[in-house]
Amino acid sequence: MLSPPRITVAWEISVPNEVLFEIFNNLSVSNLAPLTCVSNEFKAVAEHILYSSITIKDVLSTSSPSPWRTKRCCESIIQRAYLGKSIRGFHIRWQFGSHPSSRPSFDLSSTLEKLEHVLRSGILESLESLELWLGAANRGVQSSIPHTIERLISGSHFPQLASCSLGTEWAKGLPSYSGVLDNFLGSLQLLRHLKLHDHRATLNLPPVALPILSSFRGSPATSASLLPGRPISYLSLTGEDCDVNQEILTRFTKTIVPLRFLDLSGMSVRPILLRNLATYLPAIEVLKIRLALRHTLHYALTGIRLLTGLSSVLSKFRHLSYLDLSPTSVAGGDAEQESGLCLEWYRACPSLKRITFPSHREWFLSSDQLWIPTITKA
């Protein structure tokens, strides 16, 4: 007697892409990547999520002289140009394990060509966040040759860009920026956050450029040319504190809205600069600083008690609510000493509500006027 034939029934369940997107969007990259192999439907949704925000870090050395991760990423984007509208974040970071006197030992040309194609082709037309930190890519390049960053952004256009961070390592004699950067920035009408790591000169932008820019990180000279007439409330300075002269401070006061957040962790700050800042920028509410302790605040004290000398400086700030000293390097300091400084500084500056010490211990003023410590990550 013959056995009946086996019948296999395949059930095909159709799930709307919107539902798949909500499910996949909560998965990690390691769990999401295998789903691209399940079906064409899964692949389409998973790829759009995987490519929505791209962060690539290449560490270059003599044994690994080429930023191959960046190159492979660019080749993948070029092959999948249909995903361009899904890419909202594009962040490239190069770290050089050694700093050669010349660049030829590193193989950057082919990767730069791919990166240039991706940025200038219009594939990333929906980009909202761009970071290009190319480390020592300018080393060994003649000063007459265009800056590496300008080579990449020349002719590019990102109408949706809201955050932009550009730069290479800075040193005298390396290529400097030209009008290419000015033209690029002038086209970014929706930009809110800007970082220019190695720009040391003034920007030449029309008054109508960057109309909604709210935060900037860069050198004092660049900041002074950018702040007037714009609604920048957050400023992070890099370089030397001696570059912040009275003329530059005067230009800082010409923003549409008062500066409220000031980050000075990118330079060693002497007390004289803090006094000047309190005079010119009285609306500062949040201050992050890396103190230059070689200019001792109180010659008779050591360790954390050196900071006692800040009292006279803090008394000049009328609206300061948060003081962050975590970038400052000071030996020693226990909770009892920090508690004493909190009380002392609060008497000098009654608006203070929160303090972070070099130990990374945070103190908050409670509703009953007691300073309470918490621990933050270093």
Protein backbone atom coordinates (compact mmCIF):
# COMPACT_ATOMS: atom_id res chain seq x y z
CA MET A 1 0.00 0.00 0.00
CA LEU A 2 1.39 3.32 -1.07
CA SER A 3 1.70 6.06 1.55
CA PRO A 4 -0.10 9.33 0.74
CA PRO A 5 2.07 12.09 -0.70
CA ARG A 6 3.43 14.66 1.76
CA ILE A 7 2.00 18.09 1.17
CA THR A 8 3.93 21.16 2.33
CA VAL A 9 2.08 24.41 2.73
CA ALA A 10 4.08 27.65 2.95
CA TRP A 11 2.39 30.46 4.80
CA GLU A 12 3.50 33.88 3.72
CA ILE A 13 2.82 36.56 6.28
CA SER A 14 3.04 40.11 5.05
CA VAL A 15 3.99 42.68 7.67
CA PRO A 16 3.82 46.38 6.80
CA ASN A 17 7.21 48.05 6.54
CA GLU A 18 6.15 50.59 9.14
CA VAL A 19 5.66 47.79 11.68
CA LEU A 20 8.98 46.18 10.78
CA PHE A 21 10.70 49.52 11.15
CA GLU A 22 9.35 50.00 14.67
CA ILE A 23 10.49 46.49 15.62
CA PHE A 24 13.92 46.65 13.98
CA ASN A 25 14.63 50.16 15.22
CA ASN A 26 14.96 48.83 18.78
CA LEU A 27 17.59 46.22 17.84
CA SER A 28 21.33 46.55 18.19
CA VAL A 29 23.55 46.60 15.10
CA SER A 30 24.79 43.08 15.83
CA ASN A 31 21.22 41.79 15.90
CA LEU A 32 20.04 43.91 12.99
CA ALA A 33 22.74 43.00 10.45
CA PRO A 34 21.76 39.28 10.13
CA LEU A 35 18.19 40.28 9.29
CA THR A 36 19.37 41.63 5.93
CA CYS A 37 19.84 38.00 4.86
CA VAL A 38 16.34 36.82 5.80
CA SER A 39 14.36 38.29 2.92
CA ASN A 40 14.30 41.21 0.54
CA GLU A 41 11.62 42.85 2.66
CA PHE A 42 13.68 42.50 5.85
CA LYS A 43 16.80 43.66 4.03
CA ALA A 44 15.16 46.84 2.75
CA VAL A 45 13.98 47.90 6.21
CA ALA A 46 17.12 46.79 8.08
CA GLU A 47 19.47 48.55 5.66
CA HIS A 48 17.65 51.85 6.00
CA ILE A 49 18.13 51.66 9.78
CA LEU A 50 21.74 50.46 9.59
CA TYR A 51 22.66 53.33 7.29
CA SER A 52 20.69 56.02 9.12
CA SER A 53 23.68 57.00 11.26
CA ILE A 54 27.21 56.05 10.24
CA THR A 55 30.25 56.38 12.50
CA ILE A 56 33.63 55.20 11.22
CA LYS A 57 36.90 55.35 13.16
CA ASP A 58 40.22 54.50 11.50
CA VAL A 59 43.46 54.19 13.47
CA LEU A 60 46.42 54.64 11.13
CA SER A 61 49.94 53.42 11.80
CA THR A 62 52.95 52.17 9.87
CA SER A 63 51.46 48.68 9.93
CA SER A 64 48.02 49.95 8.90
CA PRO A 65 48.71 53.05 6.74
CA SER A 66 45.33 53.32 5.04
CA PRO A 67 41.91 54.34 6.45
CA TRP A 68 40.35 51.23 4.95
CA ARG A 69 37.19 51.35 7.05
CA THR A 70 36.35 54.77 5.65
CA LYS A 71 37.10 53.62 2.11
CA ARG A 72 34.96 50.50 2.45
CA CYS A 73 32.11 52.55 3.91
CA CYS A 74 32.24 55.04 1.02
CA GLU A 75 32.25 52.23 -1.54
CA SER A 76 29.23 50.71 0.16
CA ILE A 77 27.34 54.03 0.07
CA ILE A 78 28.18 54.53 -3.61
CA GLN A 79 26.92 51.03 -4.43
CA ARG A 80 23.73 51.67 -2.44
CA ALA A 81 23.00 55.22 -3.51
CA TYR A 82 19.29 54.49 -3.05
CA LEU A 83 19.92 54.54 0.72
CA GLY A 84 21.30 58.08 0.61
CA LYS A 85 18.06 59.68 1.76
CA SER A 86 18.10 57.45 4.86
CA ILE A 87 21.52 58.63 6.02
CA ARG A 88 21.06 61.30 8.68
CA GLY A 89 24.46 61.11 10.39
CA PHE A 90 27.88 60.70 8.77
CA HIS A 91 30.85 60.77 11.16
CA ILE A 92 34.42 60.03 10.06
CA ARG A 93 37.29 60.05 12.57
CA TRP A 94 40.93 59.34 11.80
CA GLN A 95 43.47 58.77 14.52
CA PHE A 96 47.14 58.57 13.63
CA GLY A 97 49.14 56.26 15.86
CA SER A 98 52.33 58.10 14.93
CA HIS A 99 52.94 61.60 13.63
CA PRO A 100 55.27 61.45 10.67
CA SER A 101 57.19 64.47 9.43
CA SER A 102 55.62 63.85 6.03
CA ARG A 103 52.42 62.23 4.87
CA PRO A 104 53.60 59.99 1.98
CA SER A 105 54.05 57.01 4.33
CA PHE A 106 50.27 56.96 4.71
CA ASP A 107 48.00 55.86 1.87
CA LEU A 108 45.22 58.46 1.98
CA SER A 109 44.69 59.43 -1.67
CA SER A 110 42.33 56.65 -2.75
CA THR A 111 40.20 56.99 0.40
CA LEU A 112 40.03 60.77 0.03
CA GLU A 113 38.81 60.32 -3.56
CA LYS A 114 36.00 58.02 -2.40
CA LEU A 115 35.12 60.33 0.48
CA GLU A 116 35.11 63.33 -1.85
CA HIS A 117 32.74 61.52 -4.22
CA VAL A 118 30.30 60.65 -1.44
CA LEU A 119 30.23 64.19 -0.03
CA ARG A 120 30.03 66.05 -3.34
CA SER A 121 27.77 63.75 -5.38
CA GLY A 122 24.49 64.67 -3.67
CA ILE A 123 23.98 61.16 -2.27
CA LEU A 124 23.78 62.54 1.27
CA GLU A 125 21.20 65.20 0.49
CA SER A 126 19.23 64.43 3.68
CA LEU A 127 22.25 64.59 6.00
CA GLU A 128 21.58 66.26 9.36
CA SER A 129 24.88 65.64 11.17
CA LEU A 130 28.38 65.69 9.65
CA GLU A 131 31.71 65.10 11.38
CA LEU A 132 35.06 65.05 9.58
CA TRP A 133 37.97 64.74 11.98
CA LEU A 134 40.94 63.71 9.83
CA GLY A 135 43.77 63.88 12.36
CA ALA A 136 47.19 64.43 10.78
CA ALA A 137 45.90 64.25 7.20
CA ASN A 138 47.40 67.68 6.42
CA ARG A 139 50.92 66.82 7.56
CA GLY A 140 53.48 66.78 4.80
CA VAL A 141 51.20 68.82 2.53
CA GLN A 142 52.51 72.10 1.14
CA SER A 143 50.82 75.18 2.52
CA SER A 144 49.89 76.26 -1.01
CA ILE A 145 47.76 73.15 -1.52
CA PRO A 146 44.07 73.33 -0.45
CA HIS A 147 43.20 72.23 3.04
CA THR A 148 42.12 68.57 3.10
CA ILE A 149 38.74 69.46 4.61
CA GLU A 150 38.09 72.08 1.93
CA ARG A 151 38.93 69.58 -0.77
CA LEU A 152 36.15 67.34 0.53
CA ILE A 153 33.43 69.95 1.08
CA SER A 154 34.05 72.10 -2.00
CA GLY A 155 30.87 72.11 -4.07
CA SER A 156 28.93 69.97 -1.56
CA HIS A 157 25.48 70.97 -0.37
CA PHE A 158 23.57 69.70 2.66
CA PRO A 159 20.34 71.69 2.99
CA GLN A 160 19.18 69.76 6.09
CA LEU A 161 22.46 69.90 8.03
CA ALA A 162 21.92 70.87 11.69
CA SER A 163 25.26 69.81 13.22
CA CYS A 164 28.74 70.09 11.68
CA SER A 165 32.21 69.33 13.06
CA LEU A 166 35.27 69.81 10.85
CA GLY A 167 39.01 69.74 11.37
CA THR A 168 42.46 68.23 11.32
CA GLU A 169 45.40 68.59 13.69
CA TRP A 170 46.71 72.13 13.58
CA ALA A 171 50.34 73.20 13.27
CA LYS A 172 52.16 76.18 11.77
CA GLY A 173 53.02 75.84 8.10
CA LEU A 174 50.17 73.48 7.25
CA PRO A 175 47.50 74.40 4.68
CA SER A 176 45.03 76.97 5.97
CA TYR A 177 41.37 77.47 5.16
CA SER A 178 40.23 79.72 2.35
CA GLY A 179 36.92 81.03 1.04
CA VAL A 180 35.78 77.47 0.31
CA LEU A 181 34.88 77.00 3.97
CA ASP A 182 33.08 80.35 4.07
CA ASN A 183 30.99 79.40 1.02
CA PHE A 184 30.16 76.02 2.50
CA LEU A 185 29.06 77.45 5.85
CA GLY A 186 27.10 80.16 4.11
CA SER A 187 24.92 77.53 2.46
CA LEU A 188 23.87 75.89 5.77
CA GLN A 189 20.74 77.80 6.71
CA LEU A 190 19.52 75.17 9.21
CA LEU A 191 22.83 74.71 11.05
CA ARG A 192 22.54 74.90 14.85
CA HIS A 193 25.82 73.41 16.10
CA LEU A 194 29.27 74.06 14.64
CA LYS A 195 32.81 72.95 15.59
CA LEU A 196 35.91 74.12 13.72
CA HIS A 197 38.85 72.42 15.40
CA ASP A 198 41.80 73.87 13.47
CA HIS A 199 40.53 77.20 12.16
CA ARG A 200 42.62 80.03 13.63
CA ALA A 201 41.55 83.03 11.53
CA THR A 202 38.37 85.02 11.07
CA LEU A 203 35.44 83.80 9.02
CA ASN A 204 34.06 85.99 6.24
CA LEU A 205 30.35 85.27 6.30
CA PRO A 206 27.51 87.59 5.33
CA PRO A 207 25.28 88.71 8.24
CA VAL A 208 22.40 86.56 7.00
CA ALA A 209 24.48 83.34 7.11
CA LEU A 210 23.87 80.75 9.86
CA PRO A 211 20.74 82.53 11.16
CA ILE A 212 19.84 79.92 13.82
CA LEU A 213 23.31 78.85 14.99
CA SER A 214 23.13 78.29 18.75
CA SER A 215 26.47 76.70 19.69
CA PHE A 216 30.07 77.01 18.50
CA ARG A 217 33.45 75.49 19.39
CA GLY A 218 36.63 76.99 18.02
CA SER A 219 39.45 79.49 18.45
CA PRO A 220 38.93 82.94 20.01
CA ALA A 221 39.57 84.75 16.70
CA THR A 222 37.12 82.57 14.78
CA SER A 223 34.54 82.88 17.55
CA ALA A 224 34.83 86.67 17.59
CA SER A 225 34.07 86.82 13.86
CA LEU A 226 31.12 84.45 14.14
CA LEU A 227 29.21 85.41 17.30
CA PRO A 228 28.05 88.98 16.52
CA GLY A 229 24.50 89.08 15.20
CA ARG A 230 23.79 85.38 15.79
CA PRO A 231 21.74 83.60 18.50
CA ILE A 232 24.70 81.71 19.98
CA SER A 233 24.19 80.91 23.66
CA TYR A 234 26.82 78.13 23.99
CA LEU A 235 30.51 78.81 23.34
CA SER A 236 33.48 76.45 23.70
CA LEU A 237 36.92 78.01 23.21
CA THR A 238 40.15 76.29 22.21
CA GLY A 239 43.73 77.56 22.04
CA GLU A 240 45.49 79.94 24.45
CA ASP A 241 43.74 82.09 27.03
CA CYS A 242 46.05 85.01 26.18
CA ASP A 243 44.31 85.17 22.79
CA VAL A 244 41.08 86.24 24.50
CA ASN A 245 41.69 89.98 24.64
CA GLN A 246 39.31 92.85 25.33
CA GLU A 247 38.49 93.36 21.66
CA ILE A 248 37.44 89.72 21.33
CA LEU A 249 35.45 89.84 24.56
CA THR A 250 33.63 92.91 23.28
CA ARG A 251 32.61 91.04 20.15
CA PHE A 252 31.35 88.15 22.32
CA THR A 253 28.81 90.55 23.80
CA LYS A 254 27.22 91.27 20.42
CA THR A 255 25.25 88.03 20.11
CA ILE A 256 21.47 88.24 19.62
CA VAL A 257 20.96 86.32 22.86
CA PRO A 258 23.32 86.46 25.87
CA LEU A 259 25.99 83.79 26.20
CA ARG A 260 24.83 81.44 28.95
CA PHE A 261 27.09 78.39 28.57
CA LEU A 262 30.88 78.79 28.40
CA ASP A 263 33.26 75.82 28.04
CA LEU A 264 36.94 76.64 28.65
CA SER A 265 38.16 73.06 29.00
CA GLY A 266 40.04 73.42 25.70
CA MET A 267 42.57 75.89 27.14
CA SER A 268 44.49 76.51 30.37
CA VAL A 269 42.74 79.42 32.06
CA ARG A 270 44.26 81.98 34.41
CA PRO A 271 42.16 83.85 37.01
CA ILE A 272 42.58 87.16 35.14
CA LEU A 273 40.59 85.79 32.20
CA LEU A 274 37.79 84.67 34.51
CA ARG A 275 37.56 88.16 35.97
CA ASN A 276 37.35 89.65 32.49
CA LEU A 277 34.69 87.15 31.49
CA ALA A 278 32.58 88.05 34.51
CA THR A 279 32.80 91.70 33.47
CA TYR A 280 31.95 91.26 29.80
CA LEU A 281 29.65 88.22 30.00
CA PRO A 282 27.57 88.64 33.17
CA ALA A 283 24.78 86.32 31.97
CA ILE A 284 26.96 83.16 32.12
CA GLU A 285 25.06 80.40 33.92
CA VAL A 286 27.24 77.36 33.23
CA LEU A 287 31.05 77.55 33.32
CA LYS A 288 33.42 74.66 32.59
CA ILE A 289 37.09 75.45 33.06
CA ARG A 290 40.58 73.93 33.11
CA LEU A 291 42.53 76.14 35.49
CA ALA A 292 46.20 76.90 34.90
CA LEU A 293 47.41 76.14 38.40
CA ARG A 294 50.95 77.16 37.61
CA HIS A 295 49.49 80.63 38.21
CA THR A 296 48.61 79.69 41.78
CA LEU A 297 45.29 80.95 43.03
CA HIS A 298 46.48 80.99 46.65
CA TYR A 299 50.22 80.75 47.26
CA ALA A 300 49.93 79.58 50.88
CA LEU A 301 47.83 76.51 50.07
CA THR A 302 48.35 73.17 48.30
CA GLY A 303 46.17 70.49 46.72
CA ILE A 304 42.47 71.14 46.41
CA ARG A 305 42.73 74.11 48.79
CA LEU A 306 44.51 75.98 46.01
CA LEU A 307 41.05 76.62 44.65
CA THR A 308 40.16 78.81 47.63
CA GLY A 309 41.38 81.75 45.61
CA LEU A 310 38.44 81.32 43.23
CA SER A 311 36.09 82.97 45.72
CA SER A 312 36.99 86.51 44.73
CA VAL A 313 36.58 85.61 41.04
CA LEU A 314 33.25 83.82 41.45
CA SER A 315 31.82 86.79 43.33
CA LYS A 316 31.83 88.66 40.01
CA PHE A 317 29.41 86.22 38.37
CA ARG A 318 25.80 87.17 39.13
CA HIS A 319 23.96 84.31 37.42
CA LEU A 320 26.39 81.39 37.61
CA SER A 321 24.48 78.25 38.64
CA TYR A 322 26.87 75.44 37.62
CA LEU A 323 30.65 75.42 37.97
CA ASP A 324 32.46 72.44 36.40
CA LEU A 325 36.12 72.06 37.40
CA SER A 326 36.45 68.43 36.27
CA PRO A 327 39.00 69.27 33.51
CA THR A 328 41.35 70.82 36.12
CA SER A 329 44.12 68.56 37.42
CA VAL A 330 44.60 68.96 41.18
CA ALA A 331 46.16 66.39 43.50
CA GLY A 332 44.25 65.34 46.58
CA GLY A 333 40.94 66.62 47.82
CA ASP A 334 38.45 64.75 49.99
CA ALA A 335 34.74 65.24 50.51
CA GLU A 336 35.24 67.36 53.62
CA GLN A 337 37.51 69.81 51.81
CA GLU A 338 35.16 70.01 48.85
CA SER A 339 32.21 70.62 51.15
CA GLY A 340 34.08 73.53 52.71
CA LEU A 341 34.79 75.02 49.27
CA CYS A 342 31.12 74.66 48.31
CA LEU A 343 30.09 76.72 51.32
CA GLU A 344 32.80 79.28 50.70
CA TRP A 345 31.98 79.70 47.01
CA TYR A 346 28.26 79.83 47.71
CA ARG A 347 28.79 82.76 50.05
CA ALA A 348 30.73 84.51 47.28
CA CYS A 349 28.30 83.53 44.51
CA PRO A 350 24.76 82.92 45.90
CA SER A 351 23.44 81.84 42.47
CA LEU A 352 25.55 78.62 42.55
CA LYS A 353 23.48 75.44 42.70
CA ARG A 354 25.83 72.76 41.37
CA ILE A 355 29.62 72.19 41.46
CA THR A 356 31.80 69.46 39.94
CA PHE A 357 35.31 69.15 41.37
CA PRO A 358 38.47 67.76 39.73
CA SER A 359 37.72 64.50 41.57
CA HIS A 360 34.57 64.29 39.39
CA ARG A 361 32.50 64.39 42.56
CA GLU A 362 29.40 66.51 42.03
CA TRP A 363 27.73 68.62 44.70
CA PHE A 364 24.14 69.87 44.55
CA LEU A 365 22.49 72.50 46.70
CA SER A 366 19.39 70.91 48.22
CA SER A 367 16.11 72.66 48.93
CA ASP A 368 17.13 73.08 52.58
CA GLN A 369 20.38 74.81 51.54
CA LEU A 370 22.68 71.84 52.17
CA TRP A 371 25.39 70.74 49.74
CA ILE A 372 24.92 67.06 48.84
CA PRO A 373 27.61 65.04 47.02
CA THR A 374 27.14 62.53 44.23
CA ILE A 375 29.70 60.67 42.08
CA THR A 376 29.90 61.05 38.32
CA LYS A 377 31.93 59.02 35.87
CA ALA A 378 35.44 60.25 35.19
